[in-house]
N, C-alpha and C. Protein backbone atom coordinates (compact mmCIF):
# COMPACT_ATOMS: atom_id res chain seq x y z
N UNK A 1 51.79 -4.31 2.69
CA UNK A 1 50.73 -4.30 4.28
C UNK A 1 50.68 -2.79 4.55
N UNK A 2 51.78 -1.71 4.56
CA UNK A 2 51.51 -0.66 4.96
C UNK A 2 51.04 -0.14 3.46
N UNK A 3 51.18 -0.43 2.41
CA UNK A 3 50.92 0.45 1.17
C UNK A 3 49.44 0.03 1.22
N UNK A 4 48.71 -1.12 1.48
CA UNK A 4 47.31 -1.44 1.64
C UNK A 4 46.77 -0.68 2.49
N UNK A 5 47.28 -0.48 3.67
CA UNK A 5 46.92 0.63 4.76
C UNK A 5 46.64 2.11 4.44
N UNK A 6 47.71 2.20 3.66
CA UNK A 6 47.68 3.86 3.24
C UNK A 6 46.40 3.81 2.42
N UNK A 7 46.36 3.01 1.07
CA UNK A 7 45.14 3.14 0.11
C UNK A 7 43.65 2.98 0.86
N UNK A 8 43.76 2.22 1.91
CA UNK A 8 42.49 1.90 2.67
C UNK A 8 42.54 3.46 3.37
N UNK A 9 43.25 4.18 4.23
CA UNK A 9 42.72 5.21 4.70
C UNK A 9 42.68 6.40 3.62
N UNK A 10 43.48 6.60 2.65
CA UNK A 10 43.41 7.04 1.47
C UNK A 10 41.88 7.05 1.02
N UNK A 11 41.19 5.94 0.86
CA UNK A 11 39.82 6.01 0.24
C UNK A 11 38.85 6.41 1.60
N UNK A 12 38.81 6.23 2.72
CA UNK A 12 37.83 6.36 3.57
C UNK A 12 37.71 7.86 3.53
N UNK A 13 39.33 8.85 3.67
CA UNK A 13 38.98 10.08 3.42
C UNK A 13 38.52 10.82 2.40
N UNK A 14 38.72 10.39 0.98
CA UNK A 14 38.15 10.58 -0.40
C UNK A 14 36.39 10.43 -0.25
N UNK A 15 36.12 9.15 0.35
CA UNK A 15 34.87 9.00 0.89
C UNK A 15 34.28 10.09 1.73
N UNK A 16 34.39 9.89 2.93
CA UNK A 16 34.46 11.25 3.61
C UNK A 16 34.15 12.61 3.40
N UNK A 17 35.16 13.07 2.67
CA UNK A 17 35.13 14.50 1.75
C UNK A 17 33.77 14.26 0.71
N UNK A 18 33.97 13.39 0.04
CA UNK A 18 32.67 13.67 -0.96
C UNK A 18 31.54 13.44 -0.45
N UNK A 19 30.95 12.81 0.88
CA UNK A 19 29.37 12.54 1.67
C UNK A 19 29.60 13.88 2.03
N UNK A 20 30.59 14.77 2.70
CA UNK A 20 30.23 16.12 3.10
C UNK A 20 30.11 17.10 2.01
N UNK A 21 30.57 17.37 0.84
CA UNK A 21 30.29 17.92 -0.38
C UNK A 21 28.75 17.81 -0.73
N UNK A 22 28.53 16.19 -0.54
CA UNK A 22 26.99 15.85 -1.31
C UNK A 22 26.37 16.46 -0.15
N UNK A 23 26.29 16.05 1.32
CA UNK A 23 25.50 16.81 2.41
C UNK A 23 25.27 18.33 1.97
N UNK A 24 26.53 18.98 1.94
CA UNK A 24 26.27 20.16 1.78
C UNK A 24 25.27 20.74 0.56
N UNK A 25 25.36 20.13 -0.51
CA UNK A 25 24.80 20.28 -1.59
C UNK A 25 23.51 19.59 -1.52
N UNK A 26 22.85 18.29 -1.50
CA UNK A 26 22.19 18.09 -1.37
C UNK A 26 21.46 17.51 0.36
N UNK A 27 21.51 18.60 1.25
CA UNK A 27 20.88 18.24 2.35
C UNK A 27 19.53 17.87 2.32
N UNK A 28 18.62 17.94 1.65
CA UNK A 28 17.17 16.98 1.50
C UNK A 28 17.36 15.59 1.11
N UNK A 29 18.11 15.01 0.64
CA UNK A 29 18.29 14.09 -0.04
C UNK A 29 18.54 13.15 1.61
N UNK A 30 19.65 13.51 1.85
CA UNK A 30 20.54 12.99 3.02
C UNK A 30 19.45 12.73 4.18
N UNK A 31 18.77 13.76 4.11
CA UNK A 31 17.28 13.42 5.40
C UNK A 31 16.80 12.41 4.89
N UNK A 32 16.16 12.69 3.66
CA UNK A 32 15.24 11.44 3.33
C UNK A 32 15.50 9.98 3.18
N UNK A 33 16.84 9.58 3.09
CA UNK A 33 17.39 8.46 2.77
C UNK A 33 17.65 8.26 4.34
N UNK A 34 18.16 8.89 5.40
CA UNK A 34 17.88 8.83 6.96
C UNK A 34 16.68 7.99 7.10
N UNK A 35 15.71 8.98 6.95
CA UNK A 35 14.26 8.97 7.65
C UNK A 35 14.12 7.31 6.81
N UNK A 36 14.12 7.22 5.78
CA UNK A 36 14.08 5.61 5.19
C UNK A 36 14.68 4.42 5.69
N UNK A 37 15.72 4.72 5.72
CA UNK A 37 16.78 3.55 6.39
C UNK A 37 16.10 3.43 8.04
N UNK A 38 15.45 4.31 9.00
CA UNK A 38 15.49 4.19 10.31
C UNK A 38 14.12 4.21 9.95
N UNK A 39 12.89 3.92 8.88
CA UNK A 39 11.84 3.31 8.65
C UNK A 39 12.12 1.82 8.59
N UNK A 40 12.96 1.53 7.41
CA UNK A 40 13.28 -0.05 7.32
C UNK A 40 13.98 -0.74 8.66
N UNK A 41 14.86 -0.16 9.35
CA UNK A 41 15.33 -0.92 10.48
C UNK A 41 14.25 -1.13 11.78
N UNK A 42 13.12 -0.16 11.58
CA UNK A 42 12.31 -0.45 12.84
C UNK A 42 11.31 -1.71 12.46
N UNK A 43 11.09 -1.62 10.90
CA UNK A 43 10.37 -2.70 10.59
C UNK A 43 11.09 -4.01 10.51
N UNK A 44 12.26 -4.14 10.32
CA UNK A 44 12.81 -5.26 10.47
C UNK A 44 12.65 -5.25 11.76
N UNK A 45 13.56 -4.89 12.60
CA UNK A 45 13.43 -4.98 14.16
C UNK A 45 11.92 -5.80 14.22
N UNK A 46 10.93 -5.01 14.32
CA UNK A 46 9.73 -5.54 14.73
C UNK A 46 9.71 -6.61 14.05
N UNK A 47 9.47 -7.22 12.85
CA UNK A 47 9.14 -8.09 11.89
C UNK A 47 10.54 -9.65 13.03
N UNK A 48 11.63 -9.01 13.17
CA UNK A 48 12.13 -10.47 14.00
C UNK A 48 11.99 -10.27 15.33
N UNK A 49 11.50 -9.45 16.06
CA UNK A 49 10.84 -9.68 17.67
C UNK A 49 9.49 -10.47 17.02
N UNK A 50 8.82 -10.25 16.22
CA UNK A 50 7.57 -11.03 16.67
C UNK A 50 8.05 -12.38 16.19
N UNK A 51 8.64 -12.64 15.22
CA UNK A 51 9.09 -14.01 14.91
C UNK A 51 9.60 -14.85 16.06
N UNK A 52 10.53 -13.76 16.78
CA UNK A 52 11.44 -14.39 17.94
C UNK A 52 10.31 -14.92 18.78
N UNK A 53 9.44 -13.67 19.08
CA UNK A 53 8.49 -14.06 20.22
C UNK A 53 7.42 -15.69 19.86
N UNK A 54 7.08 -15.59 18.79
CA UNK A 54 6.00 -16.87 17.82
C UNK A 54 7.07 -18.40 18.22
N UNK A 55 8.16 -18.07 17.85
CA UNK A 55 9.20 -19.25 17.95
C UNK A 55 9.65 -19.56 19.42
N UNK A 56 9.80 -18.56 20.20
CA UNK A 56 10.26 -18.98 21.70
C UNK A 56 8.70 -19.32 22.57
N UNK A 57 7.77 -18.86 22.23
CA UNK A 57 6.40 -19.53 23.28
C UNK A 57 6.45 -20.46 23.18
N UNK A 58 6.15 -21.34 24.45
CA UNK A 58 5.87 -22.95 24.37
C UNK A 58 4.09 -23.27 23.90
N UNK A 59 4.55 -24.19 23.10
CA UNK A 59 3.49 -24.63 22.38
C UNK A 59 2.35 -25.26 23.49
N UNK A 60 1.02 -24.88 22.88
CA UNK A 60 -0.37 -25.37 23.99
C UNK A 60 -0.10 -26.79 23.37
N UNK A 61 -0.08 -27.63 23.83
CA UNK A 61 0.02 -29.31 24.21
C UNK A 61 -1.51 -29.75 23.90
N UNK A 62 -2.22 -30.34 23.17
CA UNK A 62 -3.81 -30.30 23.52
C UNK A 62 -4.12 -31.74 24.22
N UNK A 63 -4.70 -32.08 25.24
CA UNK A 63 -5.12 -33.06 26.18
C UNK A 63 -5.58 -33.91 24.91
N UNK A 64 -5.32 -35.32 25.38
CA UNK A 64 -6.29 -36.55 24.56
C UNK A 64 -7.88 -35.72 25.35
N UNK A 65 -8.93 -36.55 24.25
CA UNK A 65 -10.37 -36.35 24.96
C UNK A 65 -10.13 -37.65 25.75
N UNK A 66 -11.02 -37.86 26.52
CA UNK A 66 -10.98 -39.04 27.44
C UNK A 66 -12.60 -39.55 27.15
């Protein structure tokens, strides 16, 4: 258990250092990636909201013609 926790913490540390090095070497690449991720997340949120509103709207019941 302790060994697994140590390996996990080491992996997180190595990943954080790697991302920091990558961010310093290619700052524009990560900025573009973050912008694209925000765009995708906004589109998904809007689609979810539209679908949720469509489902929760009460259906109009047609009155029988007399």
